[in-house]
Amino acid sequence: MKRNAKQTRESRTNNKNKAETVNDTKSDVEERWKMRRKENSLVKKIVFSIIFVGVLLILVVGIVGYNYVTNALRPLEPNNTELVEVEIPMGSSTKRIAEILEEEAIVKDATVFNYYMKTQNASDFQAGFYQFAPSMELDEIIVTLEEGGTSTPISEDYKILVKEGSMITEIASEFASKTEYSEKDFLDAASNDEFIAQLAEEFPKLITDAVQNDSLKYKLEGYLFPATYDYLSMYTPEDMIREMVQKTNEVLTPYRAKIEESGLSLHEVLTLSSLVEKEGVQYEDRQMIADVFFNRLEEDMAIQSDISILYALDEHKEYVTIADTEVDSPYNLYQNKGLGPGPFNNPGEEAIQAVLNPTDTDYFYFLADLETGEVYFSETYEEHLELQDQYIIAPEEE
């Protein structure tokens, strides 16, 4: 009986422990469920927040994008009606055309304009030069492109101006100001022996061995004819130089017989013409100046042209000093007899005509009044000094 009582107590203790274990398990399960419910609630809140922020961002981006596109479809500057000349190169796609118009500040966004053109089935635009204004509607721009541009530019922005008497360095500067090339690019091309050899093959009567003189500062000086040239985007410096040389060839062709009669080479004619170009303004004065040079050459006298000194110095000065005339250069026609290595600039047709048709005189000297442009001629050095005192030195001393 005692054993049974003990067993009973043990059984009760075990049952109690089991009950406590069951209770503990239930408590843990309930705790875990509470935690899971909290976690699920937190996840839902996070997901909802993410979705909310995402939707908000989409709405913001959508509104901003809509406003941007709407704005891009309007004229860039409604009040700016100033025309801008734009070149559309050969073979340009609608995408490239849109990019060019954005670069030139005609449309706000190239991508928007490109897609707009596609929605309007706009294509097959012609290459050429167009006039656009920032105030134009996109439809106006499309119509203008469909109508086609001009084959040559109208604006001065696409024109290279070579003035009579321009030196090749000045032409290089003008070229650089209107293109993406530098002055050095132009001068390097004009000095490239292979390129000059190509020009000699194309224009054998113009580009002769005379340009191969190592004393020449620039081998094509004098051969780039003064005129206004259209510049196209695909042009290289070589293309532009070739066009200028071709123009010189065209202008000189009618004078070839006259040049042969003169007893001068074409190179010498251009050299004398470059001096006459800068020494006189009126055609009649230029004819007489040309004769002064011929008279001095016949008497084996130095030409003594200030233009030669300025070219040797590579400076622009109103008056040449005695010290200037001592510059060490083959172009110094005070120190060296003859015509020097070659042209001092690029002369115009009138200066060439004056050299080929000089007025027959007995003059050996001349000077010009820089204020009035009047040119005074004399036969002797004494007369020359008197005129110099009267028209050149006296005004400087007043």
Protein backbone atom coordinates (compact mmCIF):
# COMPACT_ATOMS: atom_id res chain seq x y z
CA MET A 1 0.00 0.00 0.00
CA LYS A 2 2.84 2.33 0.82
CA ARG A 3 4.32 1.65 -2.64
CA ASN A 4 1.05 2.52 -4.35
CA ALA A 5 0.76 5.76 -2.45
CA LYS A 6 4.28 6.70 -3.54
CA GLN A 7 3.50 5.86 -7.15
CA THR A 8 0.38 7.89 -6.95
CA ARG A 9 2.29 10.91 -5.68
CA GLU A 10 4.88 10.51 -8.45
CA SER A 11 2.13 10.16 -11.02
CA ARG A 12 0.50 13.31 -9.75
CA THR A 13 3.81 15.15 -9.89
CA ASN A 14 4.43 13.99 -13.46
CA ASN A 15 0.96 15.01 -14.53
CA LYS A 16 1.47 18.39 -12.95
CA ASN A 17 4.78 18.81 -14.79
CA LYS A 18 3.16 17.76 -18.02
CA ALA A 19 0.39 20.27 -17.48
CA GLU A 20 2.91 23.00 -16.79
CA THR A 21 4.86 22.01 -19.95
CA VAL A 22 1.66 22.13 -22.02
CA ASN A 23 0.84 25.52 -20.59
CA ASP A 24 4.35 26.76 -21.37
CA THR A 25 4.05 25.49 -24.97
CA LYS A 26 0.72 27.20 -25.46
CA SER A 27 2.22 30.42 -24.13
CA ASP A 28 5.14 30.19 -26.56
CA VAL A 29 2.81 29.56 -29.49
CA GLU A 30 0.67 32.50 -28.54
CA GLU A 31 3.77 34.68 -28.21
CA ARG A 32 5.00 33.58 -31.61
CA TRP A 33 1.64 34.32 -33.19
CA LYS A 34 1.65 37.75 -31.64
CA MET A 35 5.11 38.35 -33.07
CA ARG A 36 4.04 37.12 -36.50
CA ARG A 37 0.98 39.35 -36.45
CA LYS A 38 3.20 42.31 -35.57
CA GLU A 39 5.66 41.37 -38.33
CA ASN A 40 2.88 40.98 -40.89
CA SER A 41 1.43 44.28 -39.87
CA LEU A 42 4.86 45.94 -40.19
CA VAL A 43 5.46 44.34 -43.61
CA LYS A 44 2.07 45.53 -44.81
CA LYS A 45 2.88 49.04 -43.64
CA ILE A 46 6.27 48.97 -45.38
CA VAL A 47 4.84 47.56 -48.62
CA PHE A 48 2.06 50.12 -48.53
CA SER A 49 4.57 52.90 -47.94
CA ILE A 50 6.75 51.71 -50.82
CA ILE A 51 3.74 51.46 -53.13
CA PHE A 52 2.54 54.88 -52.05
CA VAL A 53 5.95 56.49 -52.59
CA GLY A 54 6.32 54.68 -55.93
CA VAL A 55 2.91 55.84 -57.13
CA LEU A 56 3.70 59.35 -55.91
CA LEU A 57 7.01 59.36 -57.78
CA ILE A 58 5.33 58.09 -60.93
CA LEU A 59 2.75 60.85 -60.64
CA VAL A 60 5.44 63.49 -60.06
CA VAL A 61 7.61 62.21 -62.91
CA GLY A 62 4.57 61.97 -65.12
CA ILE A 63 3.48 65.52 -64.35
CA VAL A 64 7.01 66.90 -64.75
CA GLY A 65 7.54 64.90 -67.94
CA TYR A 66 4.19 66.00 -69.34
CA ASN A 67 4.96 69.63 -68.61
CA TYR A 68 8.47 69.31 -70.09
CA VAL A 69 7.24 67.70 -73.32
CA THR A 70 4.38 70.17 -73.60
CA ASN A 71 6.83 73.02 -73.15
CA ALA A 72 9.28 71.46 -75.65
CA LEU A 73 6.51 71.37 -78.27
CA ARG A 74 6.11 75.13 -78.03
CA PRO A 75 8.37 77.78 -79.64
CA LEU A 76 11.68 78.09 -77.82
CA GLU A 77 11.51 81.90 -77.63
CA PRO A 78 8.10 83.20 -78.78
CA ASN A 79 9.29 86.81 -78.94
CA ASN A 80 12.60 86.18 -80.71
CA THR A 81 11.97 86.51 -84.45
CA GLU A 82 15.62 86.99 -85.44
CA LEU A 83 16.49 84.58 -88.24
CA VAL A 84 19.37 82.17 -87.78
CA GLU A 85 20.93 80.46 -90.78
CA VAL A 86 21.37 76.74 -90.25
CA GLU A 87 23.12 74.26 -92.50
CA ILE A 88 21.61 70.80 -92.89
CA PRO A 89 24.41 68.61 -94.30
CA MET A 90 23.85 66.02 -96.99
CA GLY A 91 22.51 62.72 -95.67
CA SER A 92 21.33 64.05 -92.29
CA SER A 93 18.73 61.87 -90.55
CA THR A 94 15.71 63.38 -88.80
CA LYS A 95 17.49 62.67 -85.51
CA ARG A 96 20.59 64.57 -86.65
CA ILE A 97 18.46 67.45 -87.97
CA ALA A 98 16.75 67.69 -84.58
CA GLU A 99 20.16 67.73 -82.86
CA ILE A 100 21.40 70.50 -85.17
CA LEU A 101 18.31 72.62 -84.45
CA GLU A 102 18.80 72.16 -80.71
CA GLU A 103 22.49 73.12 -81.04
CA GLU A 104 21.51 76.25 -82.96
CA ALA A 105 18.90 77.18 -80.29
CA ILE A 106 15.90 76.76 -82.59
CA VAL A 107 14.10 73.98 -80.66
CA LYS A 108 14.27 73.14 -76.97
CA ASP A 109 14.76 69.38 -77.09
CA ALA A 110 16.07 67.33 -80.02
CA THR A 111 14.53 64.06 -78.80
CA VAL A 112 11.06 65.56 -78.44
CA PHE A 113 11.28 67.26 -81.84
CA ASN A 114 12.54 64.06 -83.45
CA TYR A 115 9.56 62.05 -82.14
CA TYR A 116 7.21 64.85 -83.09
CA MET A 117 8.48 64.76 -86.68
CA LYS A 118 7.84 61.01 -86.75
CA THR A 119 4.26 61.49 -85.54
CA GLN A 120 3.77 63.95 -88.39
CA ASN A 121 5.30 61.49 -90.91
CA ALA A 122 7.86 64.17 -91.79
CA SER A 123 10.92 62.91 -93.68
CA ASP A 124 12.97 63.23 -96.88
CA PHE A 125 14.24 66.69 -96.00
CA GLN A 126 16.69 68.33 -98.39
CA ALA A 127 20.26 69.31 -97.50
CA GLY A 128 21.04 73.01 -97.71
CA PHE A 129 20.92 76.28 -95.81
CA TYR A 130 17.75 77.29 -93.96
CA GLN A 131 16.52 80.39 -92.16
CA PHE A 132 14.89 79.64 -88.79
CA ALA A 133 13.83 81.74 -85.83
CA PRO A 134 13.43 80.63 -82.18
CA SER A 135 9.85 81.95 -82.33
CA MET A 136 8.78 79.42 -84.98
CA GLU A 137 6.22 76.71 -84.21
CA LEU A 138 7.43 73.14 -84.74
CA ASP A 139 5.01 72.74 -87.62
CA GLU A 140 6.49 75.84 -89.26
CA ILE A 141 9.95 74.38 -88.93
CA ILE A 142 8.82 71.11 -90.50
CA VAL A 143 7.17 72.95 -93.42
CA THR A 144 10.36 74.95 -93.98
CA LEU A 145 12.41 71.76 -94.01
CA GLU A 146 9.99 70.15 -96.46
CA GLU A 147 10.18 73.14 -98.81
CA GLY A 148 13.97 72.86 -98.96
CA GLY A 149 16.78 75.31 -98.34
CA THR A 150 19.30 77.06 -100.56
CA SER A 151 22.43 75.42 -101.93
CA THR A 152 24.59 78.35 -100.82
CA PRO A 153 24.48 80.34 -97.57
CA ILE A 154 22.95 83.78 -97.23
CA SER A 155 24.34 84.74 -93.84
CA GLU A 156 27.84 86.17 -93.48
CA ASP A 157 28.45 83.52 -90.83
CA TYR A 158 29.00 80.98 -93.62
CA LYS A 159 31.06 83.20 -95.90
CA ILE A 160 34.84 83.55 -95.94
CA LEU A 161 35.83 87.07 -96.99
CA VAL A 162 39.26 87.51 -98.54
CA LYS A 163 39.93 91.22 -99.00
CA GLU A 164 42.27 92.63 -101.65
CA GLY A 165 45.76 92.72 -100.21
CA SER A 166 45.03 90.22 -97.41
CA MET A 167 48.04 88.26 -96.25
CA ILE A 168 47.66 84.53 -95.91
CA THR A 169 47.80 84.84 -92.11
CA GLU A 170 44.80 87.19 -92.25
CA ILE A 171 42.93 84.74 -94.47
CA ALA A 172 43.71 81.98 -91.96
CA SER A 173 42.29 84.16 -89.18
CA GLU A 174 39.09 84.80 -91.14
CA PHE A 175 38.75 81.08 -91.89
CA ALA A 176 39.24 80.16 -88.24
CA SER A 177 36.61 82.69 -87.12
CA LYS A 178 33.94 81.06 -89.30
CA THR A 179 34.82 77.38 -88.91
CA GLU A 180 35.83 74.78 -86.36
CA TYR A 181 39.41 74.83 -87.66
CA SER A 182 42.26 76.91 -86.25
CA GLU A 183 44.55 79.36 -88.01
CA LYS A 184 47.32 76.79 -87.66
CA ASP A 185 45.22 74.18 -89.46
CA PHE A 186 44.81 76.54 -92.41
CA LEU A 187 48.47 77.59 -92.52
CA ASP A 188 49.67 74.00 -92.18
CA ALA A 189 47.53 73.01 -95.15
CA ALA A 190 48.83 75.95 -97.18
CA SER A 191 52.40 74.86 -96.41
CA ASN A 192 51.96 71.15 -97.00
CA ASP A 193 54.25 70.07 -99.84
CA GLU A 194 52.08 67.08 -100.82
CA PHE A 195 49.00 69.26 -101.05
CA ILE A 196 50.88 71.92 -103.04
CA ALA A 197 52.06 69.18 -105.40
CA GLN A 198 48.42 68.18 -105.94
CA LEU A 199 47.54 71.78 -106.74
CA ALA A 200 50.44 71.92 -109.21
CA GLU A 201 48.96 68.91 -111.01
CA GLU A 202 45.51 70.52 -111.10
CA PHE A 203 46.73 74.00 -112.07
CA PRO A 204 50.08 73.49 -113.84
CA LYS A 205 50.11 76.95 -115.47
CA LEU A 206 49.51 78.66 -112.14
CA ILE A 207 51.33 76.66 -109.45
CA THR A 208 54.85 76.38 -110.87
CA ASP A 209 58.27 75.57 -109.48
CA ALA A 210 58.49 79.19 -108.29
CA VAL A 211 56.46 78.27 -105.20
CA GLN A 212 59.11 75.76 -104.16
CA ASN A 213 61.55 78.52 -103.20
CA ASP A 214 62.78 77.73 -99.69
CA SER A 215 63.02 81.48 -98.94
CA LEU A 216 59.25 81.85 -99.20
CA LYS A 217 57.51 82.50 -95.93
CA TYR A 218 54.27 80.98 -97.25
CA LYS A 219 54.38 79.15 -100.57
CA LEU A 220 50.81 79.99 -101.57
CA GLU A 221 51.00 83.67 -100.60
CA GLY A 222 49.64 85.62 -103.58
CA TYR A 223 47.74 82.65 -105.02
CA LEU A 224 44.57 82.89 -102.90
CA PHE A 225 42.35 85.23 -104.83
CA PRO A 226 40.46 87.97 -102.95
CA ALA A 227 36.73 87.20 -103.08
CA THR A 228 33.82 86.05 -100.91
CA TYR A 229 33.63 82.28 -100.60
CA ASP A 230 30.80 80.10 -99.34
CA TYR A 231 31.85 77.74 -96.60
CA LEU A 232 30.17 74.34 -96.33
CA SER A 233 30.39 72.18 -93.21
CA MET A 234 32.15 69.34 -95.01
CA TYR A 235 34.93 71.66 -96.21
CA THR A 236 38.45 71.14 -94.93
CA PRO A 237 41.16 73.84 -95.07
CA GLU A 238 42.45 72.10 -98.20
CA ASP A 239 39.02 72.39 -99.84
CA MET A 240 38.86 76.10 -99.10
CA ILE A 241 42.40 76.74 -100.32
CA ARG A 242 41.77 74.78 -103.51
CA GLU A 243 38.71 76.92 -104.22
CA MET A 244 40.74 80.11 -103.73
CA VAL A 245 43.53 78.86 -105.98
CA GLN A 246 40.98 77.85 -108.60
CA LYS A 247 39.54 81.37 -108.51
CA THR A 248 43.03 82.84 -109.06
CA ASN A 249 43.48 80.50 -112.02
CA GLU A 250 40.15 81.60 -113.52
CA VAL A 251 40.91 85.31 -113.10
CA LEU A 252 44.42 85.08 -114.55
CA THR A 253 43.55 82.91 -117.54
CA PRO A 254 42.52 85.88 -119.78
CA TYR A 255 45.80 87.66 -118.90
CA ARG A 256 48.21 84.83 -119.77
CA ALA A 257 49.13 86.29 -123.17
CA LYS A 258 49.66 89.71 -121.60
CA ILE A 259 51.84 88.18 -118.89
CA GLU A 260 54.03 86.48 -121.49
CA GLU A 261 54.39 89.80 -123.37
CA SER A 262 55.49 91.54 -120.17
CA GLY A 263 58.63 89.44 -119.96
CA LEU A 264 57.74 88.57 -116.35
CA SER A 265 56.82 85.21 -114.93
CA LEU A 266 53.38 84.82 -113.41
CA HIS A 267 55.03 84.61 -109.99
CA GLU A 268 56.78 87.94 -110.60
CA VAL A 269 53.54 89.56 -111.78
CA LEU A 270 51.81 88.48 -108.58
CA THR A 271 54.74 89.72 -106.51
CA LEU A 272 54.72 93.19 -108.12
CA SER A 273 50.93 93.29 -107.95
CA SER A 274 51.02 92.60 -104.23
CA LEU A 275 53.22 95.69 -103.74
CA VAL A 276 51.07 97.85 -106.01
CA GLU A 277 47.94 96.63 -104.18
CA LYS A 278 49.10 98.13 -100.88
CA GLU A 279 51.01 101.17 -102.17
CA GLY A 280 48.11 102.79 -104.04
CA VAL A 281 44.34 103.01 -103.94
CA GLN A 282 43.27 104.63 -107.23
CA TYR A 283 43.83 102.64 -110.41
CA GLU A 284 45.67 105.51 -112.13
CA ASP A 285 48.02 105.83 -109.14
CA ARG A 286 48.65 102.10 -109.21
CA GLN A 287 49.60 102.23 -112.88
CA MET A 288 52.17 104.95 -112.14
CA ILE A 289 53.47 103.14 -109.04
CA ALA A 290 53.94 100.00 -111.14
CA ASP A 291 55.98 102.05 -113.62
CA VAL A 292 58.14 103.46 -110.81
CA PHE A 293 59.01 99.89 -109.82
CA PHE A 294 59.78 98.95 -113.41
CA ASN A 295 62.00 102.02 -113.83
CA ARG A 296 63.95 101.17 -110.67
CA LEU A 297 64.36 97.54 -111.73
CA GLU A 298 65.66 98.61 -115.13
CA GLU A 299 68.25 100.84 -113.45
CA ASP A 300 69.26 98.06 -111.06
CA MET A 301 67.97 100.06 -108.10
CA ALA A 302 66.38 98.56 -105.00
CA ILE A 303 62.60 98.92 -105.07
CA GLN A 304 62.59 100.19 -101.45
CA SER A 305 58.92 99.48 -100.79
CA ASP A 306 57.72 99.93 -97.21
CA ILE A 307 55.29 97.08 -97.84
CA SER A 308 58.25 94.70 -98.08
CA ILE A 309 59.56 95.88 -94.71
CA LEU A 310 56.22 95.45 -92.97
CA TYR A 311 55.94 91.95 -94.37
CA ALA A 312 59.47 91.12 -93.23
CA LEU A 313 58.71 92.51 -89.77
CA ASP A 314 55.25 90.90 -89.70
CA GLU A 315 53.87 94.13 -88.25
CA HIS A 316 51.29 96.78 -89.10
CA LYS A 317 52.77 100.28 -88.83
CA GLU A 318 51.92 103.62 -90.40
CA TYR A 319 55.51 104.66 -90.78
CA VAL A 320 58.67 102.66 -91.41
CA THR A 321 61.82 103.80 -89.57
CA ILE A 322 65.42 103.63 -90.75
CA ALA A 323 66.03 100.89 -88.20
CA ASP A 324 63.13 98.92 -89.69
CA THR A 325 64.74 99.01 -93.14
CA GLU A 326 67.72 97.10 -91.75
CA VAL A 327 65.72 94.00 -90.87
CA ASP A 328 67.47 90.81 -91.97
CA SER A 329 65.04 89.19 -94.39
CA PRO A 330 65.01 88.17 -98.07
CA TYR A 331 61.75 90.14 -98.24
CA ASN A 332 63.57 93.38 -97.34
CA LEU A 333 63.54 95.28 -100.65
CA TYR A 334 65.53 98.13 -99.15
CA GLN A 335 68.53 95.89 -98.61
CA ASN A 336 67.94 93.45 -101.48
CA LYS A 337 67.53 94.29 -105.16
CA GLY A 338 64.89 92.64 -107.30
CA LEU A 339 61.45 91.45 -106.24
CA GLY A 340 62.34 89.20 -103.35
CA PRO A 341 61.16 85.58 -102.94
CA GLY A 342 57.52 86.14 -103.79
CA PRO A 343 54.22 87.97 -103.14
CA PHE A 344 53.73 90.01 -99.98
CA ASN A 345 49.95 89.53 -99.93
CA ASN A 346 47.13 88.36 -102.19
CA PRO A 347 46.44 91.10 -104.77
CA GLY A 348 43.15 91.83 -106.48
CA GLU A 349 42.50 91.96 -110.22
CA GLU A 350 42.89 95.74 -110.50
CA ALA A 351 46.41 95.65 -109.08
CA ILE A 352 47.29 92.90 -111.56
CA GLN A 353 45.88 94.99 -114.40
CA ALA A 354 47.96 97.98 -113.26
CA VAL A 355 51.16 95.92 -113.38
CA LEU A 356 50.31 94.64 -116.87
CA ASN A 357 49.34 98.12 -118.07
CA PRO A 358 51.70 100.60 -116.37
CA THR A 359 51.66 104.29 -117.26
CA ASP A 360 54.94 105.21 -118.99
CA THR A 361 56.73 107.81 -116.84
CA ASP A 362 60.21 108.94 -115.85
CA TYR A 363 59.45 108.68 -112.14
CA PHE A 364 61.70 106.81 -109.74
CA TYR A 365 60.12 107.89 -106.45
CA PHE A 366 56.68 108.27 -104.93
CA LEU A 367 55.12 108.84 -101.55
CA ALA A 368 51.56 108.86 -100.27
CA ASP A 369 49.82 111.22 -97.89
CA LEU A 370 48.16 108.79 -95.51
CA GLU A 371 45.52 111.33 -94.47
CA THR A 372 44.34 112.31 -97.96
CA GLY A 373 45.41 109.25 -99.93
CA GLU A 374 47.10 111.51 -102.46
CA VAL A 375 50.20 110.03 -104.12
CA TYR A 376 53.11 112.31 -105.13
CA PHE A 377 55.67 111.27 -107.75
CA SER A 378 59.14 112.60 -108.48
CA GLU A 379 62.03 111.93 -110.86
CA THR A 380 64.91 112.73 -108.52
CA TYR A 381 65.73 111.97 -104.91
CA GLU A 382 65.97 115.70 -104.15
CA GLU A 383 62.42 116.25 -105.35
CA HIS A 384 61.34 113.26 -103.33
CA LEU A 385 62.83 114.73 -100.15
CA GLU A 386 61.09 118.05 -100.74
CA LEU A 387 57.75 116.31 -101.12
CA GLN A 388 58.47 114.25 -98.05
CA ASP A 389 59.18 117.38 -95.99
CA GLN A 390 55.99 118.96 -97.27
CA TYR A 391 53.53 116.09 -96.98
CA ILE A 392 55.00 113.56 -94.58
CA ILE A 393 57.45 115.04 -92.07
CA ALA A 394 55.79 118.47 -91.63
CA PRO A 395 52.36 117.08 -90.61
CA GLU A 396 54.05 114.84 -88.00
CA GLU A 397 55.78 117.84 -86.39
CA GLU A 398 52.63 119.96 -86.07
